[in-house]
């Protein structure tokens, strides 16, 4: 059975109404501190592309 890499994007409150976004994969990979939700989604897609269906 192959593991699919499932990405979730999570906002993180930085204070004074500011947020950054984190991208977390079901395999445990984590990218944090991205300035926009779109950047976090792109990082997740890039991780999925690099990992394939491992």
PDB file of N, CA and C in Angstrom:
ATOM      1  N   UNK A   1       0.841  -1.179   0.000  1.00  0.00           N
ATOM      2  CA  UNK A   1       0.000   0.000   0.000  1.00  0.00           C
ATOM      3  C   UNK A   1       0.886   1.242   0.000  1.00  0.00           C
ATOM      4  N   UNK A   2       0.615   2.158  -0.897  1.00  0.00           N
ATOM      5  CA  UNK A   2       1.435   3.367  -0.966  1.00  0.00           C
ATOM      6  C   UNK A   2       0.831   4.469  -0.107  1.00  0.00           C
ATOM      7  N   UNK A   3       1.704   5.283   0.448  1.00  0.00           N
ATOM      8  CA  UNK A   3       1.258   6.397   1.277  1.00  0.00           C
ATOM      9  C   UNK A   3       1.092   7.631   0.398  1.00  0.00           C
ATOM     10  N   UNK A   4      -0.070   8.229   0.443  1.00  0.00           N
ATOM     11  CA  UNK A   4      -0.298   9.479  -0.270  1.00  0.00           C
ATOM     12  C   UNK A   4       0.115  10.630   0.637  1.00  0.00           C
ATOM     13  N   UNK A   5       0.763  11.594   0.070  1.00  0.00           N
ATOM     14  CA  UNK A   5       1.179  12.765   0.834  1.00  0.00           C
ATOM     15  C   UNK A   5       0.017  13.759   0.853  1.00  0.00           C
ATOM     16  N   UNK A   6      -0.607  13.902   2.002  1.00  0.00           N
ATOM     17  CA  UNK A   6      -1.729  14.816   2.173  1.00  0.00           C
ATOM     18  C   UNK A   6      -1.234  16.086   2.849  1.00  0.00           C
ATOM     19  N   UNK A   7      -1.488  17.210   2.214  1.00  0.00           N
ATOM     20  CA  UNK A   7      -1.008  18.504   2.697  1.00  0.00           C
ATOM     21  C   UNK A   7      -2.131  19.257   3.403  1.00  0.00           C
ATOM     22  N   UNK A   8      -1.796  19.874   4.517  1.00  0.00           N
ATOM     23  CA  UNK A   8      -2.727  20.788   5.171  1.00  0.00           C
ATOM     24  C   UNK A   8      -2.022  22.124   5.355  1.00  0.00           C
ATOM     25  N   UNK A   9      -2.776  23.202   5.198  1.00  0.00           N
ATOM     26  CA  UNK A   9      -2.247  24.552   5.368  1.00  0.00           C
ATOM     27  C   UNK A   9      -2.889  25.128   6.626  1.00  0.00           C
ATOM     28  N   UNK A  10      -2.057  25.624   7.527  1.00  0.00           N
ATOM     29  CA  UNK A  10      -2.527  26.119   8.818  1.00  0.00           C
ATOM     30  C   UNK A  10      -2.058  27.552   9.038  1.00  0.00           C
ATOM     31  N   UNK A  11      -2.966  28.454   9.417  1.00  0.00           N
ATOM     32  CA  UNK A  11      -2.528  29.811   9.774  1.00  0.00           C
ATOM     33  C   UNK A  11      -1.907  29.817  11.162  1.00  0.00           C
ATOM     34  N   UNK A  12      -0.963  30.702  11.362  1.00  0.00           N
ATOM     35  CA  UNK A  12      -0.340  30.856  12.683  1.00  0.00           C
ATOM     36  C   UNK A  12      -0.350  32.329  13.035  1.00  0.00           C
ATOM     37  N   UNK A  13      -0.983  32.661  14.137  1.00  0.00           N
ATOM     38  CA  UNK A  13      -1.112  34.058  14.558  1.00  0.00           C
ATOM     39  C   UNK A  13       0.234  34.588  15.040  1.00  0.00           C
ATOM     40  N   UNK A  14       0.636  35.716  14.518  1.00  0.00           N
ATOM     41  CA  UNK A  14       1.925  36.324  14.886  1.00  0.00           C
ATOM     42  C   UNK A  14       1.764  37.584  15.721  1.00  0.00           C
ATOM     43  N   UNK A  15       0.531  37.926  16.068  1.00  0.00           N
ATOM     44  CA  UNK A  15       0.295  39.127  16.878  1.00  0.00           C
ATOM     45  C   UNK A  15      -0.036  40.329  16.022  1.00  0.00           C
ATOM     46  N   UNK A  16      -0.719  41.275  16.609  1.00  0.00           N
ATOM     47  CA  UNK A  16      -1.103  42.525  15.931  1.00  0.00           C
ATOM     48  C   UNK A  16      -1.852  42.263  14.621  1.00  0.00           C
ATOM     49  N   UNK A  17      -2.673  41.223  14.599  1.00  0.00           N
ATOM     50  CA  UNK A  17      -3.467  40.928  13.409  1.00  0.00           C
ATOM     51  C   UNK A  17      -2.689  40.310  12.268  1.00  0.00           C
ATOM     52  N   UNK A  18      -1.439  39.925  12.502  1.00  0.00           N
ATOM     53  CA  UNK A  18      -0.615  39.343  11.441  1.00  0.00           C
ATOM     54  C   UNK A  18      -0.636  37.817  11.542  1.00  0.00           C
ATOM     55  N   UNK A  19      -0.624  37.186  10.396  1.00  0.00           N
ATOM     56  CA  UNK A  19      -0.582  35.729  10.324  1.00  0.00           C
ATOM     57  C   UNK A  19       0.496  35.305   9.341  1.00  0.00           C
ATOM     58  N   UNK A  20       1.076  34.163   9.592  1.00  0.00           N
ATOM     59  CA  UNK A  20       1.878  33.483   8.574  1.00  0.00           C
ATOM     60  C   UNK A  20       1.221  32.130   8.383  1.00  0.00           C
ATOM     61  N   UNK A  21       1.629  31.402   7.365  1.00  0.00           N
ATOM     62  CA  UNK A  21       1.002  30.129   7.046  1.00  0.00           C
ATOM     63  C   UNK A  21       2.040  29.020   7.039  1.00  0.00           C
ATOM     64  N   UNK A  22       1.623  27.876   7.527  1.00  0.00           N
ATOM     65  CA  UNK A  22       2.475  26.699   7.598  1.00  0.00           C
ATOM     66  C   UNK A  22       1.883  25.614   6.718  1.00  0.00           C
ATOM     67  N   UNK A  23       2.734  24.833   6.118  1.00  0.00           N
ATOM     68  CA  UNK A  23       2.321  23.712   5.289  1.00  0.00           C
ATOM     69  C   UNK A  23       2.835  22.438   5.951  1.00  0.00           C
ATOM     70  N   UNK A  24       1.930  21.507   6.227  1.00  0.00           N
ATOM     71  CA  UNK A  24       2.304  20.270   6.899  1.00  0.00           C
ATOM     72  C   UNK A  24       1.816  19.087   6.064  1.00  0.00           C
ATOM     73  N   UNK A  25       2.702  18.093   5.904  1.00  0.00           N
ATOM     74  CA  UNK A  25       2.367  16.899   5.142  1.00  0.00           C
ATOM     75  C   UNK A  25       2.102  15.742   6.104  1.00  0.00           C
ATOM     76  N   UNK A  26       1.290  14.795   5.654  1.00  0.00           N
ATOM     77  CA  UNK A  26       0.986  13.624   6.478  1.00  0.00           C
ATOM     78  C   UNK A  26       2.228  12.777   6.754  1.00  0.00           C
ATOM     79  N   UNK A  27       3.300  12.952   5.957  1.00  0.00           N
ATOM     80  CA  UNK A  27       4.534  12.196   6.177  1.00  0.00           C
ATOM     81  C   UNK A  27       5.404  12.832   7.261  1.00  0.00           C
ATOM     82  N   UNK A  28       5.017  14.022   7.738  1.00  0.00           N
ATOM     83  CA  UNK A  28       5.772  14.687   8.789  1.00  0.00           C
ATOM     84  C   UNK A  28       6.568  15.894   8.309  1.00  0.00           C
ATOM     85  N   UNK A  29       6.667  16.100   7.002  1.00  0.00           N
ATOM     86  CA  UNK A  29       7.374  17.270   6.478  1.00  0.00           C
ATOM     87  C   UNK A  29       6.612  18.536   6.861  1.00  0.00           C
ATOM     88  N   UNK A  30       7.351  19.596   7.171  1.00  0.00           N
ATOM     89  CA  UNK A  30       6.750  20.820   7.681  1.00  0.00           C
ATOM     90  C   UNK A  30       7.500  22.019   7.127  1.00  0.00           C
ATOM     91  N   UNK A  31       6.754  22.958   6.537  1.00  0.00           N
ATOM     92  CA  UNK A  31       7.326  24.216   6.067  1.00  0.00           C
ATOM     93  C   UNK A  31       6.559  25.314   6.791  1.00  0.00           C
ATOM     94  N   UNK A  32       7.257  26.213   7.478  1.00  0.00           N
ATOM     95  CA  UNK A  32       6.564  27.212   8.280  1.00  0.00           C
ATOM     96  C   UNK A  32       7.034  28.619   7.966  1.00  0.00           C
ATOM     97  N   UNK A  33       6.201  29.571   8.361  1.00  0.00           N
ATOM     98  CA  UNK A  33       6.561  30.980   8.259  1.00  0.00           C
ATOM     99  C   UNK A  33       6.380  31.588   6.882  1.00  0.00           C
ATOM    100  N   UNK A  34       5.517  30.989   6.048  1.00  0.00           N
ATOM    101  CA  UNK A  34       5.280  31.550   4.715  1.00  0.00           C
ATOM    102  C   UNK A  34       4.314  32.730   4.837  1.00  0.00           C
ATOM    103  N   UNK A  35       4.505  33.738   3.998  1.00  0.00           N
ATOM    104  CA  UNK A  35       3.765  34.981   4.161  1.00  0.00           C
ATOM    105  C   UNK A  35       2.342  34.934   3.639  1.00  0.00           C
ATOM    106  N   UNK A  36       2.025  33.981   2.774  1.00  0.00           N
ATOM    107  CA  UNK A  36       0.666  33.920   2.254  1.00  0.00           C
ATOM    108  C   UNK A  36       0.184  32.479   2.200  1.00  0.00           C
ATOM    109  N   UNK A  37      -1.134  32.327   2.189  1.00  0.00           N
ATOM    110  CA  UNK A  37      -1.725  30.999   2.096  1.00  0.00           C
ATOM    111  C   UNK A  37      -1.347  30.360   0.761  1.00  0.00           C
ATOM    112  N   UNK A  38      -1.319  31.152  -0.307  1.00  0.00           N
ATOM    113  CA  UNK A  38      -0.933  30.645  -1.621  1.00  0.00           C
ATOM    114  C   UNK A  38       0.478  30.096  -1.638  1.00  0.00           C
ATOM    115  N   UNK A  39       1.395  30.766  -0.944  1.00  0.00           N
ATOM    116  CA  UNK A  39       2.780  30.289  -0.875  1.00  0.00           C
ATOM    117  C   UNK A  39       2.856  28.967  -0.121  1.00  0.00           C
ATOM    118  N   UNK A  40       2.064  28.819   0.939  1.00  0.00           N
ATOM    119  CA  UNK A  40       2.043  27.573   1.697  1.00  0.00           C
ATOM    120  C   UNK A  40       1.467  26.436   0.849  1.00  0.00           C
ATOM    121  N   UNK A  41       0.413  26.722   0.080  1.00  0.00           N
ATOM    122  CA  UNK A  41      -0.170  25.710  -0.799  1.00  0.00           C
ATOM    123  C   UNK A  41       0.828  25.298  -1.878  1.00  0.00           C
ATOM    124  N   UNK A  42       1.553  26.268  -2.434  1.00  0.00           N
ATOM    125  CA  UNK A  42       2.556  25.970  -3.462  1.00  0.00           C
ATOM    126  C   UNK A  42       3.679  25.108  -2.891  1.00  0.00           C
ATOM    127  N   UNK A  43       4.106  25.394  -1.665  1.00  0.00           N
ATOM    128  CA  UNK A  43       5.153  24.591  -1.027  1.00  0.00           C
ATOM    129  C   UNK A  43       4.673  23.158  -0.830  1.00  0.00           C
ATOM    130  N   UNK A  44       3.410  23.000  -0.464  1.00  0.00           N
ATOM    131  CA  UNK A  44       2.840  21.670  -0.302  1.00  0.00           C
ATOM    132  C   UNK A  44       2.783  20.901  -1.619  1.00  0.00           C
ATOM    133  N   UNK A  45       2.366  21.579  -2.680  1.00  0.00           N
ATOM    134  CA  UNK A  45       2.310  20.936  -4.005  1.00  0.00           C
ATOM    135  C   UNK A  45       3.712  20.558  -4.471  1.00  0.00           C
ATOM    136  N   UNK A  46       4.685  21.419  -4.200  1.00  0.00           N
ATOM    137  CA  UNK A  46       6.067  21.134  -4.580  1.00  0.00           C
ATOM    138  C   UNK A  46       6.570  19.888  -3.847  1.00  0.00           C
ATOM    139  N   UNK A  47       6.260  19.784  -2.560  1.00  0.00           N
ATOM    140  CA  UNK A  47       6.650  18.604  -1.781  1.00  0.00           C
ATOM    141  C   UNK A  47       6.001  17.345  -2.365  1.00  0.00           C
ATOM    142  N   UNK A  48       4.706  17.425  -2.676  1.00  0.00           N
ATOM    143  CA  UNK A  48       4.013  16.273  -3.257  1.00  0.00           C
ATOM    144  C   UNK A  48       4.646  15.865  -4.583  1.00  0.00           C
ATOM    145  N   UNK A  49       4.977  16.834  -5.400  1.00  0.00           N
ATOM    146  CA  UNK A  49       5.581  16.551  -6.703  1.00  0.00           C
ATOM    147  C   UNK A  49       6.934  15.868  -6.529  1.00  0.00           C
ATOM    148  N   UNK A  50       7.739  16.345  -5.581  1.00  0.00           N
ATOM    149  CA  UNK A  50       9.062  15.769  -5.356  1.00  0.00           C
ATOM    150  C   UNK A  50       8.980  14.364  -4.779  1.00  0.00           C
ATOM    151  N   UNK A  51       7.975  14.107  -3.938  1.00  0.00           N
ATOM    152  CA  UNK A  51       7.867  12.807  -3.275  1.00  0.00           C
ATOM    153  C   UNK A  51       7.125  11.776  -4.118  1.00  0.00           C
ATOM    154  N   UNK A  52       6.280  12.230  -5.023  1.00  0.00           N
ATOM    155  CA  UNK A  52       5.505  11.293  -5.822  1.00  0.00           C
ATOM    156  C   UNK A  52       4.573  10.485  -4.928  1.00  0.00           C
ATOM    157  N   UNK A  53       4.439   9.209  -5.176  1.00  0.00           N
ATOM    158  CA  UNK A  53       3.557   8.341  -4.387  1.00  0.00           C
ATOM    159  C   UNK A  53       4.331   7.455  -3.439  1.00  0.00           C
ATOM    160  N   UNK A  54       5.441   7.924  -2.927  1.00  0.00           N
ATOM    161  CA  UNK A  54       6.243   7.118  -1.992  1.00  0.00           C
ATOM    162  C   UNK A  54       5.454   6.753  -0.765  1.00  0.00           C
TER     163      UNK A  54
END
